[in-house]
Amino acid sequence: SNQQILIRVLERTVETGRDWHEKMHNALWAYRTTIRTPTNATPAELVYGTEI
């Protein structure tokens, strides 16, 4: 699920449990701009019709 993907990204980038909120913006950006294999598009492309 989407939540599990974000949790894994945060686990890999957060050094201590206290700085997760500082990394959340980057984790969400990475998730939104990563191409999905089944659709061959990013979530932003599906919503807006163009790469942002």
C-alpha atoms as a PDB file:
ATOM      1  CA  SER A   1       0.000   0.000   0.000  1.00  0.00           C
ATOM      2  CA  ASN A   2       0.992   3.631  -0.346  1.00  0.00           C
ATOM      3  CA  GLN A   3       1.462   4.029   3.381  1.00  0.00           C
ATOM      4  CA  GLN A   4       3.926   1.131   3.535  1.00  0.00           C
ATOM      5  CA  ILE A   5       5.990   2.615   0.700  1.00  0.00           C
ATOM      6  CA  LEU A   6       6.242   5.968   2.474  1.00  0.00           C
ATOM      7  CA  ILE A   7       7.176   4.260   5.725  1.00  0.00           C
ATOM      8  CA  ARG A   8      10.003   2.361   3.990  1.00  0.00           C
ATOM      9  CA  VAL A   9      11.324   5.539   2.357  1.00  0.00           C
ATOM     10  CA  LEU A  10      11.298   7.333   5.700  1.00  0.00           C
ATOM     11  CA  GLU A  11      12.989   4.403   7.466  1.00  0.00           C
ATOM     12  CA  ARG A  12      15.843   4.519   4.960  1.00  0.00           C
ATOM     13  CA  THR A  13      16.376   8.274   5.196  1.00  0.00           C
ATOM     14  CA  VAL A  14      15.711   9.087   8.848  1.00  0.00           C
ATOM     15  CA  GLU A  15      18.700   8.700  11.125  1.00  0.00           C
ATOM     16  CA  THR A  16      16.843   9.077  14.415  1.00  0.00           C
ATOM     17  CA  GLY A  17      13.186   8.664  15.234  1.00  0.00           C
ATOM     18  CA  ARG A  18      12.893  12.344  16.009  1.00  0.00           C
ATOM     19  CA  ASP A  19      13.678  13.845  12.612  1.00  0.00           C
ATOM     20  CA  TRP A  20      11.083  12.026  10.490  1.00  0.00           C
ATOM     21  CA  HIS A  21       9.022  15.212  10.100  1.00  0.00           C
ATOM     22  CA  GLU A  22      11.996  16.941   8.470  1.00  0.00           C
ATOM     23  CA  LYS A  23      12.260  14.203   5.825  1.00  0.00           C
ATOM     24  CA  MET A  24       8.524  13.789   5.114  1.00  0.00           C
ATOM     25  CA  HIS A  25       8.474  16.454   2.377  1.00  0.00           C
ATOM     26  CA  ASN A  26      11.283  14.726   0.474  1.00  0.00           C
ATOM     27  CA  ALA A  27       9.715  11.291   0.887  1.00  0.00           C
ATOM     28  CA  LEU A  28       6.386  12.515  -0.482  1.00  0.00           C
ATOM     29  CA  TRP A  29       8.116  14.269  -3.388  1.00  0.00           C
ATOM     30  CA  ALA A  30      10.003  11.078  -4.256  1.00  0.00           C
ATOM     31  CA  TYR A  31       6.800   9.054  -4.146  1.00  0.00           C
ATOM     32  CA  ARG A  32       4.890  11.510  -6.340  1.00  0.00           C
ATOM     33  CA  THR A  33       7.627  11.724  -8.975  1.00  0.00           C
ATOM     34  CA  THR A  34       8.460   8.010  -9.243  1.00  0.00           C
ATOM     35  CA  ILE A  35       7.124   6.285 -12.365  1.00  0.00           C
ATOM     36  CA  ARG A  36       4.744   3.412 -11.674  1.00  0.00           C
ATOM     37  CA  THR A  37       5.304   0.323 -13.804  1.00  0.00           C
ATOM     38  CA  PRO A  38       1.654  -0.662 -14.531  1.00  0.00           C
ATOM     39  CA  THR A  39       0.743   2.802 -15.834  1.00  0.00           C
ATOM     40  CA  ASN A  40       4.222   3.918 -16.962  1.00  0.00           C
ATOM     41  CA  ALA A  41       3.427   7.327 -15.486  1.00  0.00           C
ATOM     42  CA  THR A  42       3.856   9.227 -12.260  1.00  0.00           C
ATOM     43  CA  PRO A  43       0.832   9.926 -10.061  1.00  0.00           C
ATOM     44  CA  ALA A  44       1.180  13.621 -10.967  1.00  0.00           C
ATOM     45  CA  GLU A  45       1.005  12.797 -14.685  1.00  0.00           C
ATOM     46  CA  LEU A  46      -2.173  10.809 -14.121  1.00  0.00           C
ATOM     47  CA  VAL A  47      -3.814  13.679 -12.237  1.00  0.00           C
ATOM     48  CA  TYR A  48      -2.582  16.695 -14.193  1.00  0.00           C
ATOM     49  CA  GLY A  49      -1.895  15.135 -17.592  1.00  0.00           C
ATOM     50  CA  THR A  50       1.681  16.415 -17.666  1.00  0.00           C
ATOM     51  CA  GLU A  51       4.891  16.073 -15.729  1.00  0.00           C
ATOM     52  CA  ILE A  52       5.315  18.715 -13.040  1.00  0.00           C
END
